[in-house]
């Protein structure tokens, strides 16, 4: 099963900005995600059209699975 992580931040002008990270570990903890979001903010890693990321807003891990369907 594939996992991605969707992180949503509040920007310096009050808008929301999201970042999606593909192929994350299955065993990520809430603390891992909180720490990652703080590191992204502290390092000023991303700048959006609405300004810098200043506050974590939400996060979710998305699981995706697929099943091959035989059609022949």
PDB file of N, CA and C in Angstrom:
ATOM      1  N   UNK A   1       0.845  -1.169   0.000  1.00  0.00           N
ATOM      2  CA  UNK A   1       0.000   0.000   0.000  1.00  0.00           C
ATOM      3  C   UNK A   1       0.898   1.243   0.000  1.00  0.00           C
ATOM      4  N   UNK A   2       0.545   2.198  -0.807  1.00  0.00           N
ATOM      5  CA  UNK A   2       1.291   3.451  -0.889  1.00  0.00           C
ATOM      6  C   UNK A   2       0.700   4.457   0.090  1.00  0.00           C
ATOM      7  N   UNK A   3       1.584   5.257   0.673  1.00  0.00           N
ATOM      8  CA  UNK A   3       1.143   6.285   1.609  1.00  0.00           C
ATOM      9  C   UNK A   3       1.712   7.629   1.186  1.00  0.00           C
ATOM     10  N   UNK A   4       0.895   8.665   1.321  1.00  0.00           N
ATOM     11  CA  UNK A   4       1.379  10.029   1.127  1.00  0.00           C
ATOM     12  C   UNK A   4       0.954  10.837   2.342  1.00  0.00           C
ATOM     13  N   UNK A   5       1.607  11.971   2.514  1.00  0.00           N
ATOM     14  CA  UNK A   5       1.344  12.834   3.654  1.00  0.00           C
ATOM     15  C   UNK A   5       0.961  14.202   3.139  1.00  0.00           C
ATOM     16  N   UNK A   6      -0.203  14.675   3.542  1.00  0.00           N
ATOM     17  CA  UNK A   6      -0.680  15.995   3.146  1.00  0.00           C
ATOM     18  C   UNK A   6      -0.558  16.927   4.348  1.00  0.00           C
ATOM     19  N   UNK A   7       0.223  17.987   4.186  1.00  0.00           N
ATOM     20  CA  UNK A   7       0.449  18.960   5.255  1.00  0.00           C
ATOM     21  C   UNK A   7      -0.179  20.281   4.855  1.00  0.00           C
ATOM     22  N   UNK A   8      -0.937  20.882   5.753  1.00  0.00           N
ATOM     23  CA  UNK A   8      -1.567  22.170   5.481  1.00  0.00           C
ATOM     24  C   UNK A   8      -1.042  23.173   6.498  1.00  0.00           C
ATOM     25  N   UNK A   9      -0.633  24.329   5.989  1.00  0.00           N
ATOM     26  CA  UNK A   9      -0.074  25.399   6.813  1.00  0.00           C
ATOM     27  C   UNK A   9      -0.871  26.677   6.612  1.00  0.00           C
ATOM     28  N   UNK A  10      -0.808  27.569   7.587  1.00  0.00           N
ATOM     29  CA  UNK A  10      -1.300  28.933   7.432  1.00  0.00           C
ATOM     30  C   UNK A  10      -0.102  29.771   6.989  1.00  0.00           C
ATOM     31  N   UNK A  11      -0.309  30.614   5.980  1.00  0.00           N
ATOM     32  CA  UNK A  11       0.767  31.466   5.466  1.00  0.00           C
ATOM     33  C   UNK A  11       0.764  32.816   6.177  1.00  0.00           C
ATOM     34  N   UNK A  12       1.779  33.611   5.876  1.00  0.00           N
ATOM     35  CA  UNK A  12       1.925  34.908   6.541  1.00  0.00           C
ATOM     36  C   UNK A  12       0.778  35.870   6.255  1.00  0.00           C
ATOM     37  N   UNK A  13       0.018  35.657   5.188  1.00  0.00           N
ATOM     38  CA  UNK A  13      -1.133  36.538   4.941  1.00  0.00           C
ATOM     39  C   UNK A  13      -2.454  35.899   5.365  1.00  0.00           C
ATOM     40  N   UNK A  14      -2.382  34.758   6.065  1.00  0.00           N
ATOM     41  CA  UNK A  14      -3.582  34.123   6.602  1.00  0.00           C
ATOM     42  C   UNK A  14      -4.227  33.083   5.710  1.00  0.00           C
ATOM     43  N   UNK A  15      -3.686  32.852   4.537  1.00  0.00           N
ATOM     44  CA  UNK A  15      -4.217  31.831   3.629  1.00  0.00           C
ATOM     45  C   UNK A  15      -3.704  30.451   4.031  1.00  0.00           C
ATOM     46  N   UNK A  16      -4.304  29.419   3.448  1.00  0.00           N
ATOM     47  CA  UNK A  16      -3.836  28.052   3.656  1.00  0.00           C
ATOM     48  C   UNK A  16      -3.006  27.621   2.455  1.00  0.00           C
ATOM     49  N   UNK A  17      -1.961  26.863   2.728  1.00  0.00           N
ATOM     50  CA  UNK A  17      -1.123  26.287   1.672  1.00  0.00           C
ATOM     51  C   UNK A  17      -0.866  24.831   2.035  1.00  0.00           C
ATOM     52  N   UNK A  18      -0.896  23.956   1.035  1.00  0.00           N
ATOM     53  CA  UNK A  18      -0.685  22.537   1.319  1.00  0.00           C
ATOM     54  C   UNK A  18       0.522  21.997   0.568  1.00  0.00           C
ATOM     55  N   UNK A  19       1.121  20.995   1.174  1.00  0.00           N
ATOM     56  CA  UNK A  19       2.261  20.282   0.606  1.00  0.00           C
ATOM     57  C   UNK A  19       1.930  18.801   0.709  1.00  0.00           C
ATOM     58  N   UNK A  20       2.138  18.052  -0.366  1.00  0.00           N
ATOM     59  CA  UNK A  20       1.933  16.608  -0.333  1.00  0.00           C
ATOM     60  C   UNK A  20       3.269  15.923  -0.575  1.00  0.00           C
ATOM     61  N   UNK A  21       3.601  14.995   0.305  1.00  0.00           N
ATOM     62  CA  UNK A  21       4.843  14.228   0.209  1.00  0.00           C
ATOM     63  C   UNK A  21       4.460  12.790  -0.111  1.00  0.00           C
ATOM     64  N   UNK A  22       4.991  12.270  -1.198  1.00  0.00           N
ATOM     65  CA  UNK A  22       4.674  10.915  -1.654  1.00  0.00           C
ATOM     66  C   UNK A  22       5.569   9.880  -0.972  1.00  0.00           C
ATOM     67  N   UNK A  23       5.085   8.651  -0.922  1.00  0.00           N
ATOM     68  CA  UNK A  23       5.853   7.484  -0.469  1.00  0.00           C
ATOM     69  C   UNK A  23       6.453   7.659   0.924  1.00  0.00           C
ATOM     70  N   UNK A  24       5.631   8.069   1.877  1.00  0.00           N
ATOM     71  CA  UNK A  24       6.109   8.211   3.250  1.00  0.00           C
ATOM     72  C   UNK A  24       6.063   6.867   3.964  1.00  0.00           C
ATOM     73  N   UNK A  25       6.807   6.784   5.042  1.00  0.00           N
ATOM     74  CA  UNK A  25       6.832   5.556   5.842  1.00  0.00           C
ATOM     75  C   UNK A  25       5.452   5.267   6.417  1.00  0.00           C
ATOM     76  N   UNK A  26       5.162   4.014   6.556  1.00  0.00           N
ATOM     77  CA  UNK A  26       3.883   3.588   7.119  1.00  0.00           C
ATOM     78  C   UNK A  26       3.809   3.860   8.621  1.00  0.00           C
ATOM     79  N   UNK A  27       4.955   3.892   9.288  1.00  0.00           N
ATOM     80  CA  UNK A  27       4.973   3.988  10.752  1.00  0.00           C
ATOM     81  C   UNK A  27       5.179   5.408  11.281  1.00  0.00           C
ATOM     82  N   UNK A  28       4.852   6.426  10.489  1.00  0.00           N
ATOM     83  CA  UNK A  28       4.974   7.806  10.966  1.00  0.00           C
ATOM     84  C   UNK A  28       4.066   8.031  12.170  1.00  0.00           C
ATOM     85  N   UNK A  29       4.599   8.711  13.172  1.00  0.00           N
ATOM     86  CA  UNK A  29       3.791   9.039  14.345  1.00  0.00           C
ATOM     87  C   UNK A  29       3.317  10.486  14.250  1.00  0.00           C
ATOM     88  N   UNK A  30       2.359  10.827  15.089  1.00  0.00           N
ATOM     89  CA  UNK A  30       1.902  12.216  15.146  1.00  0.00           C
ATOM     90  C   UNK A  30       3.058  13.150  15.490  1.00  0.00           C
ATOM     91  N   UNK A  31       3.922  12.708  16.399  1.00  0.00           N
ATOM     92  CA  UNK A  31       5.072  13.533  16.788  1.00  0.00           C
ATOM     93  C   UNK A  31       6.032  13.736  15.619  1.00  0.00           C
ATOM     94  N   UNK A  32       6.250  12.695  14.804  1.00  0.00           N
ATOM     95  CA  UNK A  32       7.099  12.830  13.612  1.00  0.00           C
ATOM     96  C   UNK A  32       6.560  13.923  12.697  1.00  0.00           C
ATOM     97  N   UNK A  33       5.255  13.909  12.488  1.00  0.00           N
ATOM     98  CA  UNK A  33       4.632  14.867  11.570  1.00  0.00           C
ATOM     99  C   UNK A  33       4.699  16.277  12.148  1.00  0.00           C
ATOM    100  N   UNK A  34       4.398  16.422  13.442  1.00  0.00           N
ATOM    101  CA  UNK A  34       4.479  17.739  14.088  1.00  0.00           C
ATOM    102  C   UNK A  34       5.892  18.302  13.986  1.00  0.00           C
ATOM    103  N   UNK A  35       6.883  17.453  14.245  1.00  0.00           N
ATOM    104  CA  UNK A  35       8.281  17.888  14.169  1.00  0.00           C
ATOM    105  C   UNK A  35       8.651  18.294  12.743  1.00  0.00           C
ATOM    106  N   UNK A  36       8.227  17.508  11.761  1.00  0.00           N
ATOM    107  CA  UNK A  36       8.500  17.839  10.364  1.00  0.00           C
ATOM    108  C   UNK A  36       7.913  19.196  10.004  1.00  0.00           C
ATOM    109  N   UNK A  37       6.678  19.438  10.410  1.00  0.00           N
ATOM    110  CA  UNK A  37       6.034  20.716  10.086  1.00  0.00           C
ATOM    111  C   UNK A  37       6.782  21.883  10.734  1.00  0.00           C
ATOM    112  N   UNK A  38       7.243  21.695  11.966  1.00  0.00           N
ATOM    113  CA  UNK A  38       8.001  22.753  12.643  1.00  0.00           C
ATOM    114  C   UNK A  38       9.347  23.004  11.952  1.00  0.00           C
ATOM    115  N   UNK A  39       9.999  21.936  11.492  1.00  0.00           N
ATOM    116  CA  UNK A  39      11.273  22.085  10.775  1.00  0.00           C
ATOM    117  C   UNK A  39      11.064  22.837   9.465  1.00  0.00           C
ATOM    118  N   UNK A  40      10.010  22.508   8.740  1.00  0.00           N
ATOM    119  CA  UNK A  40       9.705  23.202   7.481  1.00  0.00           C
ATOM    120  C   UNK A  40       9.508  24.690   7.739  1.00  0.00           C
ATOM    121  N   UNK A  41       8.763  25.027   8.802  1.00  0.00           N
ATOM    122  CA  UNK A  41       8.530  26.438   9.138  1.00  0.00           C
ATOM    123  C   UNK A  41       9.829  27.109   9.586  1.00  0.00           C
ATOM    124  N   UNK A  42      10.566  26.473  10.489  1.00  0.00           N
ATOM    125  CA  UNK A  42      11.785  27.070  11.045  1.00  0.00           C
ATOM    126  C   UNK A  42      12.845  27.321   9.982  1.00  0.00           C
ATOM    127  N   UNK A  43      12.954  26.423   9.014  1.00  0.00           N
ATOM    128  CA  UNK A  43      13.967  26.573   7.965  1.00  0.00           C
ATOM    129  C   UNK A  43      13.495  27.435   6.809  1.00  0.00           C
ATOM    130  N   UNK A  44      12.240  27.903   6.883  1.00  0.00           N
ATOM    131  CA  UNK A  44      11.675  28.723   5.809  1.00  0.00           C
ATOM    132  C   UNK A  44      11.880  28.018   4.467  1.00  0.00           C
ATOM    133  N   UNK A  45      11.570  26.715   4.467  1.00  0.00           N
ATOM    134  CA  UNK A  45      11.843  25.843   3.329  1.00  0.00           C
ATOM    135  C   UNK A  45      11.066  26.227   2.080  1.00  0.00           C
ATOM    136  N   UNK A  46       9.811  26.632   2.235  1.00  0.00           N
ATOM    137  CA  UNK A  46       8.960  26.945   1.090  1.00  0.00           C
ATOM    138  C   UNK A  46       8.427  28.365   1.197  1.00  0.00           C
ATOM    139  N   UNK A  47       8.322  29.016   0.066  1.00  0.00           N
ATOM    140  CA  UNK A  47       7.686  30.330  -0.010  1.00  0.00           C
ATOM    141  C   UNK A  47       6.561  30.218  -1.026  1.00  0.00           C
ATOM    142  N   UNK A  48       5.372  30.603  -0.634  1.00  0.00           N
ATOM    143  CA  UNK A  48       4.225  30.520  -1.529  1.00  0.00           C
ATOM    144  C   UNK A  48       3.883  31.909  -2.047  1.00  0.00           C
ATOM    145  N   UNK A  49       2.954  31.970  -2.980  1.00  0.00           N
ATOM    146  CA  UNK A  49       2.511  33.272  -3.482  1.00  0.00           C
ATOM    147  C   UNK A  49       1.799  34.067  -2.397  1.00  0.00           C
ATOM    148  N   UNK A  50       1.379  33.375  -1.338  1.00  0.00           N
ATOM    149  CA  UNK A  50       0.712  34.033  -0.215  1.00  0.00           C
ATOM    150  C   UNK A  50       1.637  34.248   0.975  1.00  0.00           C
ATOM    151  N   UNK A  51       2.940  34.110   0.745  1.00  0.00           N
ATOM    152  CA  UNK A  51       3.914  34.353   1.801  1.00  0.00           C
ATOM    153  C   UNK A  51       4.486  33.078   2.383  1.00  0.00           C
ATOM    154  N   UNK A  52       5.237  33.250   3.452  1.00  0.00           N
ATOM    155  CA  UNK A  52       5.907  32.137   4.112  1.00  0.00           C
ATOM    156  C   UNK A  52       4.905  31.292   4.890  1.00  0.00           C
ATOM    157  N   UNK A  53       5.281  30.040   5.125  1.00  0.00           N
ATOM    158  CA  UNK A  53       4.478  29.157   5.970  1.00  0.00           C
ATOM    159  C   UNK A  53       4.793  29.515   7.419  1.00  0.00           C
ATOM    160  N   UNK A  54       3.762  29.813   8.209  1.00  0.00           N
ATOM    161  CA  UNK A  54       4.017  30.297   9.568  1.00  0.00           C
ATOM    162  C   UNK A  54       3.412  29.437  10.679  1.00  0.00           C
ATOM    163  N   UNK A  55       2.343  28.692  10.389  1.00  0.00           N
ATOM    164  CA  UNK A  55       1.681  27.910  11.431  1.00  0.00           C
ATOM    165  C   UNK A  55       1.163  26.594  10.852  1.00  0.00           C
ATOM    166  N   UNK A  56       1.421  25.472  11.541  1.00  0.00           N
ATOM    167  CA  UNK A  56       0.800  24.224  11.107  1.00  0.00           C
ATOM    168  C   UNK A  56      -0.715  24.326  11.277  1.00  0.00           C
ATOM    169  N   UNK A  57      -1.463  23.812  10.314  1.00  0.00           N
ATOM    170  CA  UNK A  57      -2.923  23.848  10.393  1.00  0.00           C
ATOM    171  C   UNK A  57      -3.498  22.437  10.531  1.00  0.00           C
ATOM    172  N   UNK A  58      -3.079  21.536   9.638  1.00  0.00           N
ATOM    173  CA  UNK A  58      -3.568  20.157   9.709  1.00  0.00           C
ATOM    174  C   UNK A  58      -2.637  19.244   8.931  1.00  0.00           C
ATOM    175  N   UNK A  59      -2.801  17.953   9.171  1.00  0.00           N
ATOM    176  CA  UNK A  59      -2.017  16.951   8.444  1.00  0.00           C
ATOM    177  C   UNK A  59      -2.843  15.676   8.354  1.00  0.00           C
ATOM    178  N   UNK A  60      -2.639  14.950   7.265  1.00  0.00           N
ATOM    179  CA  UNK A  60      -3.287  13.645   7.157  1.00  0.00           C
ATOM    180  C   UNK A  60      -2.428  12.719   6.310  1.00  0.00           C
ATOM    181  N   UNK A  61      -2.431  11.454   6.724  1.00  0.00           N
ATOM    182  CA  UNK A  61      -1.739  10.423   5.955  1.00  0.00           C
ATOM    183  C   UNK A  61      -2.783   9.758   5.080  1.00  0.00           C
ATOM    184  N   UNK A  62      -2.480   9.659   3.807  1.00  0.00           N
ATOM    185  CA  UNK A  62      -3.408   9.098   2.833  1.00  0.00           C
ATOM    186  C   UNK A  62      -2.866   7.750   2.377  1.00  0.00           C
ATOM    187  N   UNK A  63      -3.693   6.726   2.462  1.00  0.00           N
ATOM    188  CA  UNK A  63      -3.305   5.384   2.032  1.00  0.00           C
ATOM    189  C   UNK A  63      -3.988   5.071   0.718  1.00  0.00           C
ATOM    190  N   UNK A  64      -3.211   4.522  -0.197  1.00  0.00           N
ATOM    191  CA  UNK A  64      -3.751   4.187  -1.510  1.00  0.00           C
ATOM    192  C   UNK A  64      -3.368   2.750  -1.837  1.00  0.00           C
ATOM    193  N   UNK A  65      -4.366   1.974  -2.169  1.00  0.00           N
ATOM    194  CA  UNK A  65      -4.088   0.606  -2.597  1.00  0.00           C
ATOM    195  C   UNK A  65      -4.740   0.387  -3.952  1.00  0.00           C
ATOM    196  N   UNK A  66      -4.223  -0.559  -4.670  1.00  0.00           N
ATOM    197  CA  UNK A  66      -4.793  -0.865  -5.979  1.00  0.00           C
ATOM    198  C   UNK A  66      -4.845  -2.377  -6.159  1.00  0.00           C
ATOM    199  N   UNK A  67      -5.797  -2.804  -6.954  1.00  0.00           N
ATOM    200  CA  UNK A  67      -5.972  -4.215  -7.263  1.00  0.00           C
ATOM    201  C   UNK A  67      -6.049  -4.364  -8.775  1.00  0.00           C
ATOM    202  N   UNK A  68      -5.249  -5.269  -9.301  1.00  0.00           N
ATOM    203  CA  UNK A  68      -5.273  -5.532 -10.732  1.00  0.00           C
ATOM    204  C   UNK A  68      -6.516  -6.355 -11.049  1.00  0.00           C
ATOM    205  N   UNK A  69      -7.235  -5.930 -12.062  1.00  0.00           N
ATOM    206  CA  UNK A  69      -8.433  -6.646 -12.497  1.00  0.00           C
ATOM    207  C   UNK A  69      -8.133  -7.288 -13.843  1.00  0.00           C
ATOM    208  N   UNK A  70      -8.218  -8.601 -13.880  1.00  0.00           N
ATOM    209  CA  UNK A  70      -7.978  -9.325 -15.122  1.00  0.00           C
ATOM    210  C   UNK A  70      -9.181  -9.147 -16.037  1.00  0.00           C
ATOM    211  N   UNK A  71      -8.948  -8.665 -17.244  1.00  0.00           N
ATOM    212  CA  UNK A  71     -10.054  -8.454 -18.177  1.00  0.00           C
ATOM    213  C   UNK A  71      -9.993  -9.388 -19.378  1.00  0.00           C
ATOM    214  N   UNK A  72      -9.004 -10.233 -19.457  1.00  0.00           N
ATOM    215  CA  UNK A  72      -8.906 -11.168 -20.579  1.00  0.00           C
ATOM    216  C   UNK A  72      -8.826 -12.573 -20.080  1.00  0.00           C
TER     217      UNK A  72
END
